[in-house]
Amino acid sequence: MTAVLAGKIIWAIGAVGWFIIRLPHDRRSRRTPRVLRTGGAREIAIILASLSGLGIIPAIYLFTGQPAFASYAPYAAQIVIGGILFATALWLFIRTHADLGRNWSVTLEVRDQHNLVTNGVYNRVRHPMYAAFWLWAVAQVFLLPNWVAGFSGIVGFGTLFFMRVAHEEQMMIDAFGDEYRSYMQRTARVLPGIY
């Protein structure tokens, strides 16, 4: 098996794994009443940017090899590193969904009887699910040896992250006030001790 094929297979397994992890939480989320929802068309646009970078563009590369001009020969070690990063991202997805429980949603929402989750992976990081997506985006760079498809995750998810995180934190301040401000002071956004 070539390194290119191995990277594509690992990426595809990771994407399917993410879908399997998310599916039951998405179903439960649809049944939980919302108290506050923000975003509208802007939220849809940034979700589509992330979906394009982490899903659509890589899938086009996966099935067609396009854009071929941007492809390069990968090293086996980069595929191994990518696989480890993607596995770590999936583990973090599992943990964040388990810790959030019924508080999770795709869009920026506060749920009925919403609790501020500060335990588990949320103990040191306010946005571990975003950290998991960053890991996926970096894993994609290693797994897909194509300058466009590989880096599309960083661009797509980066767009969502930088356009959303401040709004999400303001929504949490509006919902939880000083409790969230205190939580912000003792935690990092996505990378403990750094950011």
N, C-alpha and C. Protein backbone atom coordinates (compact mmCIF):
# COMPACT_ATOMS: atom_id res chain seq x y z
N MET A 1 0.84 -1.18 0.00
CA MET A 1 0.00 0.00 0.00
C MET A 1 0.89 1.25 0.00
N THR A 2 0.57 2.19 -0.85
CA THR A 2 1.36 3.41 -0.92
C THR A 2 1.01 4.34 0.24
N ALA A 3 1.91 5.26 0.54
CA ALA A 3 1.66 6.23 1.61
C ALA A 3 0.47 7.11 1.27
N VAL A 4 0.31 7.46 -0.01
CA VAL A 4 -0.84 8.29 -0.41
C VAL A 4 -2.14 7.57 -0.11
N LEU A 5 -2.24 6.29 -0.50
CA LEU A 5 -3.45 5.52 -0.26
C LEU A 5 -3.69 5.34 1.24
N ALA A 6 -2.63 5.06 1.99
CA ALA A 6 -2.77 4.89 3.45
C ALA A 6 -3.30 6.17 4.09
N GLY A 7 -2.77 7.32 3.67
CA GLY A 7 -3.25 8.60 4.21
C GLY A 7 -4.71 8.83 3.90
N LYS A 8 -5.12 8.52 2.67
CA LYS A 8 -6.52 8.68 2.29
C LYS A 8 -7.43 7.76 3.11
N ILE A 9 -7.00 6.53 3.30
CA ILE A 9 -7.81 5.57 4.07
C ILE A 9 -7.94 6.03 5.52
N ILE A 10 -6.85 6.46 6.12
CA ILE A 10 -6.89 6.91 7.52
C ILE A 10 -7.79 8.15 7.63
N TRP A 11 -7.68 9.08 6.69
CA TRP A 11 -8.53 10.27 6.73
C TRP A 11 -9.99 9.86 6.63
N ALA A 12 -10.31 8.95 5.70
CA ALA A 12 -11.70 8.51 5.51
C ALA A 12 -12.23 7.81 6.77
N ILE A 13 -11.42 6.96 7.38
CA ILE A 13 -11.84 6.29 8.62
C ILE A 13 -12.08 7.32 9.71
N GLY A 14 -11.21 8.31 9.81
CA GLY A 14 -11.39 9.37 10.80
C GLY A 14 -12.66 10.16 10.58
N ALA A 15 -12.95 10.52 9.32
CA ALA A 15 -14.17 11.28 9.02
C ALA A 15 -15.42 10.48 9.33
N VAL A 16 -15.41 9.19 8.99
CA VAL A 16 -16.55 8.32 9.31
C VAL A 16 -16.66 8.17 10.83
N GLY A 17 -15.52 8.01 11.50
CA GLY A 17 -15.52 7.91 12.96
C GLY A 17 -16.12 9.14 13.60
N TRP A 18 -15.76 10.32 13.10
CA TRP A 18 -16.33 11.57 13.62
C TRP A 18 -17.84 11.56 13.46
N PHE A 19 -18.33 11.15 12.28
CA PHE A 19 -19.77 11.11 12.03
C PHE A 19 -20.47 10.16 13.01
N ILE A 20 -19.87 9.00 13.23
CA ILE A 20 -20.46 8.02 14.15
C ILE A 20 -20.49 8.55 15.58
N ILE A 21 -19.43 9.23 15.98
CA ILE A 21 -19.37 9.82 17.33
C ILE A 21 -20.45 10.89 17.47
N ARG A 22 -20.60 11.72 16.47
CA ARG A 22 -21.49 12.88 16.55
C ARG A 22 -22.96 12.52 16.40
N LEU A 23 -23.32 11.51 15.64
CA LEU A 23 -24.71 11.20 15.28
C LEU A 23 -25.66 11.11 16.48
N PRO A 24 -25.38 10.32 17.51
CA PRO A 24 -26.35 10.24 18.61
C PRO A 24 -26.50 11.56 19.36
N HIS A 25 -25.43 12.34 19.43
CA HIS A 25 -25.49 13.63 20.13
C HIS A 25 -26.30 14.63 19.31
N ASP A 26 -26.16 14.56 17.99
CA ASP A 26 -26.93 15.44 17.12
C ASP A 26 -28.42 15.12 17.24
N ARG A 27 -28.77 13.86 17.27
CA ARG A 27 -30.18 13.47 17.42
C ARG A 27 -30.75 13.97 18.74
N ARG A 28 -30.00 13.80 19.82
CA ARG A 28 -30.46 14.26 21.14
C ARG A 28 -30.57 15.78 21.16
N SER A 29 -29.62 16.45 20.52
CA SER A 29 -29.60 17.91 20.49
C SER A 29 -30.86 18.46 19.83
N ARG A 30 -31.33 17.82 18.80
CA ARG A 30 -32.52 18.30 18.09
C ARG A 30 -33.76 18.22 18.97
N ARG A 31 -33.77 17.33 19.96
CA ARG A 31 -34.92 17.17 20.84
C ARG A 31 -34.88 18.06 22.08
N THR A 32 -33.73 18.71 22.34
CA THR A 32 -33.58 19.52 23.54
C THR A 32 -33.99 20.96 23.24
N PRO A 33 -34.94 21.51 24.00
CA PRO A 33 -35.40 22.88 23.75
C PRO A 33 -34.28 23.91 23.90
N ARG A 34 -34.35 24.95 23.07
CA ARG A 34 -33.37 26.03 23.09
C ARG A 34 -33.92 27.23 23.86
N VAL A 35 -33.04 27.89 24.60
CA VAL A 35 -33.41 29.11 25.30
C VAL A 35 -32.88 30.30 24.53
N LEU A 36 -31.67 30.18 23.98
CA LEU A 36 -31.02 31.27 23.27
C LEU A 36 -30.26 30.70 22.09
N ARG A 37 -30.43 31.34 20.93
CA ARG A 37 -29.70 30.91 19.73
C ARG A 37 -29.20 32.15 19.02
N THR A 38 -27.94 32.13 18.61
CA THR A 38 -27.38 33.27 17.91
C THR A 38 -26.79 32.83 16.58
N GLY A 39 -26.54 33.78 15.71
CA GLY A 39 -25.79 33.47 14.49
C GLY A 39 -26.52 33.71 13.20
N GLY A 40 -27.59 33.00 12.93
CA GLY A 40 -28.31 33.14 11.68
C GLY A 40 -27.49 32.79 10.45
N ALA A 41 -27.57 33.64 9.42
CA ALA A 41 -26.88 33.39 8.15
C ALA A 41 -25.36 33.37 8.33
N ARG A 42 -24.86 34.23 9.21
CA ARG A 42 -23.41 34.27 9.47
C ARG A 42 -22.93 32.92 10.01
N GLU A 43 -23.69 32.36 10.93
CA GLU A 43 -23.35 31.07 11.54
C GLU A 43 -23.35 29.97 10.47
N ILE A 44 -24.34 29.98 9.60
CA ILE A 44 -24.42 28.99 8.53
C ILE A 44 -23.21 29.12 7.60
N ALA A 45 -22.83 30.36 7.27
CA ALA A 45 -21.70 30.59 6.37
C ALA A 45 -20.40 30.05 6.95
N ILE A 46 -20.15 30.29 8.24
CA ILE A 46 -18.88 29.82 8.80
C ILE A 46 -18.89 28.31 9.02
N ILE A 47 -20.05 27.72 9.27
CA ILE A 47 -20.15 26.26 9.35
C ILE A 47 -19.86 25.67 7.97
N LEU A 48 -20.37 26.28 6.92
CA LEU A 48 -20.09 25.80 5.55
C LEU A 48 -18.62 25.94 5.19
N ALA A 49 -17.97 27.01 5.66
CA ALA A 49 -16.53 27.16 5.42
C ALA A 49 -15.76 26.01 6.06
N SER A 50 -16.13 25.68 7.30
CA SER A 50 -15.47 24.59 8.00
C SER A 50 -15.75 23.25 7.32
N LEU A 51 -17.01 23.02 6.95
CA LEU A 51 -17.39 21.79 6.27
C LEU A 51 -16.64 21.64 4.94
N SER A 52 -16.48 22.74 4.23
CA SER A 52 -15.74 22.70 2.96
C SER A 52 -14.29 22.29 3.19
N GLY A 53 -13.66 22.90 4.19
CA GLY A 53 -12.24 22.63 4.44
C GLY A 53 -11.95 21.28 5.05
N LEU A 54 -12.85 20.82 5.92
CA LEU A 54 -12.62 19.54 6.60
C LEU A 54 -13.33 18.36 5.94
N GLY A 55 -14.23 18.64 4.99
CA GLY A 55 -14.99 17.55 4.40
C GLY A 55 -15.05 17.55 2.89
N ILE A 56 -15.56 18.62 2.30
CA ILE A 56 -15.85 18.62 0.86
C ILE A 56 -14.57 18.61 0.03
N ILE A 57 -13.66 19.54 0.29
CA ILE A 57 -12.42 19.60 -0.50
C ILE A 57 -11.58 18.33 -0.32
N PRO A 58 -11.40 17.84 0.93
CA PRO A 58 -10.67 16.57 1.08
C PRO A 58 -11.36 15.40 0.38
N ALA A 59 -12.70 15.36 0.41
CA ALA A 59 -13.42 14.27 -0.25
C ALA A 59 -13.21 14.31 -1.76
N ILE A 60 -13.20 15.51 -2.34
CA ILE A 60 -12.92 15.64 -3.78
C ILE A 60 -11.53 15.08 -4.08
N TYR A 61 -10.55 15.45 -3.25
CA TYR A 61 -9.19 14.92 -3.45
C TYR A 61 -9.17 13.40 -3.27
N LEU A 62 -9.87 12.92 -2.26
CA LEU A 62 -9.90 11.50 -1.96
C LEU A 62 -10.38 10.68 -3.15
N PHE A 63 -11.46 11.15 -3.79
CA PHE A 63 -12.09 10.36 -4.85
C PHE A 63 -11.59 10.68 -6.25
N THR A 64 -11.00 11.87 -6.45
CA THR A 64 -10.58 12.24 -7.81
C THR A 64 -9.08 12.51 -7.94
N GLY A 65 -8.40 12.74 -6.81
CA GLY A 65 -6.99 13.10 -6.86
C GLY A 65 -6.76 14.55 -7.26
N GLN A 66 -7.84 15.30 -7.37
CA GLN A 66 -7.75 16.70 -7.79
C GLN A 66 -7.73 17.64 -6.58
N PRO A 67 -7.06 18.72 -6.65
CA PRO A 67 -6.29 19.24 -7.78
C PRO A 67 -4.92 18.56 -7.86
N ALA A 68 -4.68 17.86 -8.94
CA ALA A 68 -3.46 17.06 -9.12
C ALA A 68 -2.20 17.90 -9.09
N PHE A 69 -2.26 19.15 -9.58
CA PHE A 69 -1.06 20.00 -9.61
C PHE A 69 -0.51 20.27 -8.21
N ALA A 70 -1.36 20.12 -7.18
CA ALA A 70 -0.96 20.45 -5.81
C ALA A 70 -0.48 19.23 -5.02
N SER A 71 -0.45 18.07 -5.65
CA SER A 71 -0.04 16.84 -4.96
C SER A 71 1.48 16.72 -4.89
N TYR A 72 1.93 16.01 -3.86
CA TYR A 72 3.36 15.74 -3.69
C TYR A 72 3.51 14.36 -3.08
N ALA A 73 4.71 13.80 -3.14
CA ALA A 73 4.98 12.47 -2.59
C ALA A 73 5.19 12.57 -1.08
N PRO A 74 4.38 11.87 -0.29
CA PRO A 74 4.52 11.95 1.16
C PRO A 74 5.56 10.97 1.70
N TYR A 75 6.02 11.23 2.90
CA TYR A 75 6.86 10.30 3.63
C TYR A 75 5.97 9.42 4.49
N ALA A 76 6.38 8.20 4.72
CA ALA A 76 5.59 7.29 5.56
C ALA A 76 5.42 7.87 6.96
N ALA A 77 6.45 8.51 7.49
CA ALA A 77 6.37 9.07 8.85
C ALA A 77 5.29 10.14 8.96
N GLN A 78 5.07 10.91 7.90
CA GLN A 78 4.05 11.95 7.99
C GLN A 78 2.66 11.33 8.07
N ILE A 79 2.46 10.19 7.42
CA ILE A 79 1.17 9.50 7.49
C ILE A 79 0.96 8.95 8.89
N VAL A 80 2.00 8.41 9.50
CA VAL A 80 1.91 7.90 10.88
C VAL A 80 1.56 9.04 11.83
N ILE A 81 2.24 10.16 11.69
CA ILE A 81 1.96 11.33 12.55
C ILE A 81 0.51 11.78 12.35
N GLY A 82 0.07 11.85 11.11
CA GLY A 82 -1.31 12.24 10.82
C GLY A 82 -2.31 11.29 11.45
N GLY A 83 -2.02 10.00 11.38
CA GLY A 83 -2.92 9.02 12.00
C GLY A 83 -3.01 9.18 13.51
N ILE A 84 -1.88 9.43 14.14
CA ILE A 84 -1.86 9.64 15.59
C ILE A 84 -2.65 10.91 15.95
N LEU A 85 -2.45 11.97 15.18
CA LEU A 85 -3.17 13.22 15.45
C LEU A 85 -4.68 13.04 15.26
N PHE A 86 -5.07 12.32 14.21
CA PHE A 86 -6.50 12.11 13.97
C PHE A 86 -7.11 11.24 15.06
N ALA A 87 -6.39 10.21 15.50
CA ALA A 87 -6.88 9.36 16.58
C ALA A 87 -7.05 10.18 17.86
N THR A 88 -6.12 11.07 18.13
CA THR A 88 -6.22 11.94 19.31
C THR A 88 -7.43 12.87 19.17
N ALA A 89 -7.66 13.40 17.97
CA ALA A 89 -8.82 14.27 17.73
C ALA A 89 -10.11 13.51 18.00
N LEU A 90 -10.19 12.26 17.53
CA LEU A 90 -11.41 11.47 17.76
C LEU A 90 -11.61 11.16 19.23
N TRP A 91 -10.53 10.86 19.95
CA TRP A 91 -10.64 10.64 21.39
C TRP A 91 -11.19 11.90 22.06
N LEU A 92 -10.67 13.06 21.67
CA LEU A 92 -11.12 14.31 22.26
C LEU A 92 -12.58 14.61 21.90
N PHE A 93 -13.02 14.26 20.70
CA PHE A 93 -14.43 14.39 20.33
C PHE A 93 -15.30 13.55 21.25
N ILE A 94 -14.89 12.32 21.49
CA ILE A 94 -15.66 11.43 22.36
C ILE A 94 -15.77 12.05 23.76
N ARG A 95 -14.64 12.50 24.29
CA ARG A 95 -14.62 13.08 25.65
C ARG A 95 -15.48 14.35 25.74
N THR A 96 -15.35 15.24 24.76
CA THR A 96 -16.11 16.49 24.84
C THR A 96 -17.61 16.23 24.76
N HIS A 97 -18.03 15.34 23.88
CA HIS A 97 -19.45 15.03 23.79
C HIS A 97 -19.94 14.39 25.09
N ALA A 98 -19.14 13.49 25.65
CA ALA A 98 -19.53 12.84 26.91
C ALA A 98 -19.62 13.87 28.04
N ASP A 99 -18.66 14.77 28.11
CA ASP A 99 -18.67 15.77 29.19
C ASP A 99 -19.78 16.80 29.01
N LEU A 100 -20.09 17.18 27.77
CA LEU A 100 -21.14 18.17 27.53
C LEU A 100 -22.54 17.59 27.71
N GLY A 101 -22.70 16.32 27.36
CA GLY A 101 -24.03 15.72 27.47
C GLY A 101 -25.06 16.48 26.66
N ARG A 102 -26.18 16.80 27.29
CA ARG A 102 -27.29 17.45 26.58
C ARG A 102 -27.03 18.93 26.33
N ASN A 103 -25.91 19.47 26.78
CA ASN A 103 -25.58 20.88 26.55
C ASN A 103 -24.99 21.14 25.16
N TRP A 104 -24.64 20.09 24.42
CA TRP A 104 -23.98 20.25 23.13
C TRP A 104 -24.96 20.64 22.03
N SER A 105 -24.49 21.47 21.09
CA SER A 105 -25.24 21.77 19.88
C SER A 105 -24.25 22.17 18.78
N VAL A 106 -24.67 22.04 17.54
CA VAL A 106 -23.83 22.39 16.40
C VAL A 106 -23.66 23.91 16.32
N THR A 107 -24.75 24.62 16.49
CA THR A 107 -24.72 26.08 16.39
C THR A 107 -24.61 26.69 17.79
N LEU A 108 -24.46 28.00 17.85
CA LEU A 108 -24.34 28.68 19.13
C LEU A 108 -25.71 28.77 19.79
N GLU A 109 -25.90 27.96 20.83
CA GLU A 109 -27.19 27.89 21.51
C GLU A 109 -26.99 27.67 23.01
N VAL A 110 -27.94 28.17 23.77
CA VAL A 110 -28.04 27.82 25.18
C VAL A 110 -29.30 26.99 25.28
N ARG A 111 -29.18 25.84 25.89
CA ARG A 111 -30.28 24.88 25.99
C ARG A 111 -31.11 25.11 27.24
N ASP A 112 -32.32 24.56 27.22
CA ASP A 112 -33.15 24.55 28.42
C ASP A 112 -32.41 23.78 29.50
N GLN A 113 -32.31 24.33 30.69
CA GLN A 113 -31.58 23.74 31.82
C GLN A 113 -30.10 23.54 31.49
N HIS A 114 -29.55 24.47 30.74
CA HIS A 114 -28.15 24.42 30.34
C HIS A 114 -27.25 24.59 31.57
N ASN A 115 -26.25 23.75 31.66
CA ASN A 115 -25.28 23.84 32.74
C ASN A 115 -23.94 24.30 32.19
N LEU A 116 -23.18 25.03 33.00
CA LEU A 116 -21.82 25.38 32.63
C LEU A 116 -20.94 24.19 32.97
N VAL A 117 -20.39 23.55 31.95
CA VAL A 117 -19.56 22.36 32.13
C VAL A 117 -18.11 22.80 32.34
N THR A 118 -17.55 22.43 33.49
CA THR A 118 -16.17 22.81 33.81
C THR A 118 -15.35 21.60 34.28
N ASN A 119 -15.90 20.42 34.12
CA ASN A 119 -15.18 19.21 34.55
C ASN A 119 -14.71 18.41 33.34
N GLY A 120 -13.99 17.34 33.59
CA GLY A 120 -13.48 16.49 32.52
C GLY A 120 -12.48 17.27 31.67
N VAL A 121 -12.61 17.17 30.35
CA VAL A 121 -11.68 17.88 29.47
C VAL A 121 -11.90 19.39 29.51
N TYR A 122 -13.01 19.82 30.09
CA TYR A 122 -13.29 21.25 30.23
C TYR A 122 -12.63 21.85 31.47
N ASN A 123 -11.95 21.05 32.23
CA ASN A 123 -11.31 21.52 33.45
C ASN A 123 -10.21 22.55 33.18
N ARG A 124 -9.46 22.37 32.09
CA ARG A 124 -8.34 23.27 31.80
C ARG A 124 -8.50 24.03 30.50
N VAL A 125 -9.45 23.61 29.66
CA VAL A 125 -9.65 24.22 28.35
C VAL A 125 -11.14 24.52 28.16
N ARG A 126 -11.45 25.75 27.74
CA ARG A 126 -12.84 26.15 27.53
C ARG A 126 -13.46 25.54 26.27
N HIS A 127 -12.64 25.27 25.28
CA HIS A 127 -13.16 24.81 23.99
C HIS A 127 -12.43 23.56 23.50
N PRO A 128 -12.52 22.45 24.23
CA PRO A 128 -11.81 21.24 23.78
C PRO A 128 -12.33 20.68 22.46
N MET A 129 -13.61 20.96 22.14
CA MET A 129 -14.09 20.47 20.85
C MET A 129 -13.40 21.23 19.71
N TYR A 130 -13.17 22.51 19.89
CA TYR A 130 -12.41 23.26 18.90
C TYR A 130 -10.98 22.73 18.83
N ALA A 131 -10.42 22.38 19.98
CA ALA A 131 -9.07 21.78 19.99
C ALA A 131 -9.06 20.50 19.16
N ALA A 132 -10.13 19.70 19.29
CA ALA A 132 -10.23 18.46 18.51
C ALA A 132 -10.29 18.77 17.01
N PHE A 133 -11.04 19.79 16.63
CA PHE A 133 -11.10 20.16 15.22
C PHE A 133 -9.76 20.69 14.72
N TRP A 134 -9.04 21.42 15.57
CA TRP A 134 -7.69 21.86 15.17
C TRP A 134 -6.79 20.65 14.95
N LEU A 135 -6.90 19.65 15.83
CA LEU A 135 -6.11 18.42 15.65
C LEU A 135 -6.46 17.73 14.33
N TRP A 136 -7.75 17.68 14.02
CA TRP A 136 -8.19 17.09 12.75
C TRP A 136 -7.57 17.86 11.59
N ALA A 137 -7.65 19.20 11.65
CA ALA A 137 -7.12 20.02 10.56
C ALA A 137 -5.62 19.80 10.36
N VAL A 138 -4.88 19.71 11.45
CA VAL A 138 -3.43 19.47 11.35
C VAL A 138 -3.18 18.04 10.87
N ALA A 139 -3.95 17.08 11.36
CA ALA A 139 -3.81 15.69 10.89
C ALA A 139 -4.03 15.62 9.39
N GLN A 140 -4.98 16.38 8.89
CA GLN A 140 -5.29 16.40 7.46
C GLN A 140 -4.09 16.86 6.63
N VAL A 141 -3.34 17.83 7.16
CA VAL A 141 -2.14 18.29 6.47
C VAL A 141 -1.16 17.13 6.28
N PHE A 142 -1.03 16.31 7.32
CA PHE A 142 -0.10 15.18 7.26
C PHE A 142 -0.65 14.03 6.41
N LEU A 143 -1.96 13.79 6.47
CA LEU A 143 -2.55 12.63 5.81
C LEU A 143 -2.79 12.81 4.32
N LEU A 144 -3.11 14.02 3.91
CA LEU A 144 -3.45 14.25 2.51
C LEU A 144 -2.33 15.05 1.84
N PRO A 145 -1.46 14.37 1.10
CA PRO A 145 -0.30 15.04 0.50
C PRO A 145 -0.68 15.87 -0.73
N ASN A 146 -1.44 16.90 -0.45
CA ASN A 146 -1.91 17.81 -1.49
C ASN A 146 -2.00 19.18 -0.84
N TRP A 147 -1.32 20.16 -1.41
CA TRP A 147 -1.24 21.49 -0.79
C TRP A 147 -2.60 22.14 -0.63
N VAL A 148 -3.55 21.82 -1.48
CA VAL A 148 -4.89 22.40 -1.37
C VAL A 148 -5.74 21.59 -0.38
N ALA A 149 -5.91 20.30 -0.65
CA ALA A 149 -6.75 19.47 0.20
C ALA A 149 -6.19 19.35 1.62
N GLY A 150 -4.88 19.22 1.73
CA GLY A 150 -4.27 19.08 3.05
C GLY A 150 -4.49 20.30 3.93
N PHE A 151 -4.29 21.48 3.37
CA PHE A 151 -4.39 22.71 4.17
C PHE A 151 -5.79 23.32 4.20
N SER A 152 -6.72 22.75 3.44
CA SER A 152 -8.07 23.32 3.41
C SER A 152 -8.75 23.24 4.78
N GLY A 153 -8.40 22.25 5.57
CA GLY A 153 -8.99 22.12 6.91
C GLY A 153 -8.56 23.25 7.83
N ILE A 154 -7.29 23.64 7.75
CA ILE A 154 -6.81 24.74 8.58
C ILE A 154 -7.50 26.03 8.19
N VAL A 155 -7.64 26.26 6.88
CA VAL A 155 -8.29 27.48 6.41
C VAL A 155 -9.78 27.45 6.75
N GLY A 156 -10.46 26.35 6.43
CA GLY A 156 -11.90 26.25 6.67
C GLY A 156 -12.27 26.30 8.14
N PHE A 157 -11.61 25.46 8.94
CA PHE A 157 -11.93 25.48 10.36
C PHE A 157 -11.42 26.75 11.03
N GLY A 158 -10.27 27.25 10.58
CA GLY A 158 -9.75 28.50 11.13
C GLY A 158 -10.74 29.64 10.94
N THR A 159 -11.41 29.66 9.78
CA THR A 159 -12.44 30.67 9.52
C THR A 159 -13.55 30.57 10.56
N LEU A 160 -14.05 29.36 10.78
CA LEU A 160 -15.09 29.17 11.78
C LEU A 160 -14.60 29.58 13.16
N PHE A 161 -13.46 29.09 13.55
CA PHE A 161 -12.95 29.34 14.90
C PHE A 161 -12.80 30.83 15.19
N PHE A 162 -12.07 31.52 14.33
CA PHE A 162 -11.77 32.92 14.61
C PHE A 162 -12.98 33.83 14.44
N MET A 163 -13.97 33.40 13.66
CA MET A 163 -15.19 34.21 13.53
C MET A 163 -16.24 33.85 14.57
N ARG A 164 -16.05 32.74 15.29
CA ARG A 164 -17.09 32.29 16.20
C ARG A 164 -16.71 32.36 17.67
N VAL A 165 -15.47 32.09 18.03
CA VAL A 165 -15.13 31.85 19.43
C VAL A 165 -15.46 33.05 20.33
N ALA A 166 -15.20 34.27 19.89
CA ALA A 166 -15.51 35.44 20.72
C ALA A 166 -17.01 35.58 20.92
N HIS A 167 -17.80 35.29 19.87
CA HIS A 167 -19.26 35.35 19.99
C HIS A 167 -19.77 34.28 20.96
N GLU A 168 -19.17 33.10 20.87
CA GLU A 168 -19.58 32.02 21.77
C GLU A 168 -19.27 32.38 23.22
N GLU A 169 -18.10 32.94 23.45
CA GLU A 169 -17.75 33.31 24.82
C GLU A 169 -18.64 34.43 25.34
N GLN A 170 -19.01 35.37 24.47
CA GLN A 170 -19.93 36.43 24.91
C GLN A 170 -21.30 35.85 25.24
N MET A 171 -21.76 34.88 24.45
CA MET A 171 -23.03 34.22 24.74
C MET A 171 -22.98 33.53 26.09
N MET A 172 -21.84 32.89 26.40
CA MET A 172 -21.70 32.21 27.68
C MET A 172 -21.64 33.22 28.85
N ILE A 173 -21.01 34.36 28.62
CA ILE A 173 -21.00 35.42 29.64
C ILE A 173 -22.42 35.92 29.86
N ASP A 174 -23.17 36.12 28.79
CA ASP A 174 -24.56 36.57 28.91
C ASP A 174 -25.41 35.55 29.68
N ALA A 175 -25.13 34.27 29.47
CA ALA A 175 -25.92 33.22 30.12
C ALA A 175 -25.47 32.94 31.55
N PHE A 176 -24.16 32.99 31.83
CA PHE A 176 -23.64 32.55 33.12
C PHE A 176 -22.93 33.64 33.92
N GLY A 177 -22.74 34.81 33.33
CA GLY A 177 -22.18 35.95 34.04
C GLY A 177 -20.82 35.72 34.66
N ASP A 178 -20.70 36.07 35.95
CA ASP A 178 -19.42 35.99 36.65
C ASP A 178 -18.89 34.57 36.77
N GLU A 179 -19.79 33.60 36.79
CA GLU A 179 -19.34 32.20 36.84
C GLU A 179 -18.50 31.87 35.61
N TYR A 180 -18.93 32.35 34.43
CA TYR A 180 -18.15 32.09 33.22
C TYR A 180 -16.90 32.95 33.18
N ARG A 181 -16.98 34.19 33.62
CA ARG A 181 -15.79 35.05 33.66
C ARG A 181 -14.71 34.43 34.54
N SER A 182 -15.11 33.88 35.67
CA SER A 182 -14.16 33.21 36.56
C SER A 182 -13.55 31.99 35.89
N TYR A 183 -14.39 31.24 35.19
CA TYR A 183 -13.94 30.06 34.45
C TYR A 183 -12.93 30.47 33.37
N MET A 184 -13.19 31.58 32.69
CA MET A 184 -12.28 32.08 31.65
C MET A 184 -10.90 32.42 32.24
N GLN A 185 -10.89 32.95 33.43
CA GLN A 185 -9.63 33.36 34.04
C GLN A 185 -8.74 32.18 34.40
N ARG A 186 -9.34 31.03 34.67
CA ARG A 186 -8.52 29.89 35.10
C ARG A 186 -8.30 28.83 34.00
N THR A 187 -8.80 29.11 32.80
CA THR A 187 -8.64 28.14 31.71
C THR A 187 -8.09 28.81 30.46
N ALA A 188 -7.58 27.99 29.54
CA ALA A 188 -7.15 28.46 28.23
C ALA A 188 -8.28 28.21 27.23
N ARG A 189 -8.22 28.88 26.10
CA ARG A 189 -9.24 28.65 25.09
C ARG A 189 -9.15 27.25 24.50
N VAL A 190 -7.99 26.89 23.93
CA VAL A 190 -7.87 25.57 23.28
C VAL A 190 -6.60 24.82 23.62
N LEU A 191 -5.57 25.52 24.09
CA LEU A 191 -4.29 24.87 24.35
C LEU A 191 -3.81 25.24 25.75
N PRO A 192 -3.87 24.29 26.69
CA PRO A 192 -3.53 24.61 28.09
C PRO A 192 -2.19 25.33 28.23
N GLY A 193 -2.22 26.43 28.97
CA GLY A 193 -1.03 27.17 29.27
C GLY A 193 -0.51 28.06 28.15
N ILE A 194 -1.13 27.97 26.96
CA ILE A 194 -0.63 28.74 25.81
C ILE A 194 -1.69 29.68 25.26
N TYR A 195 -2.86 29.14 24.87
CA TYR A 195 -3.90 29.97 24.26
C TYR A 195 -5.26 29.42 24.62
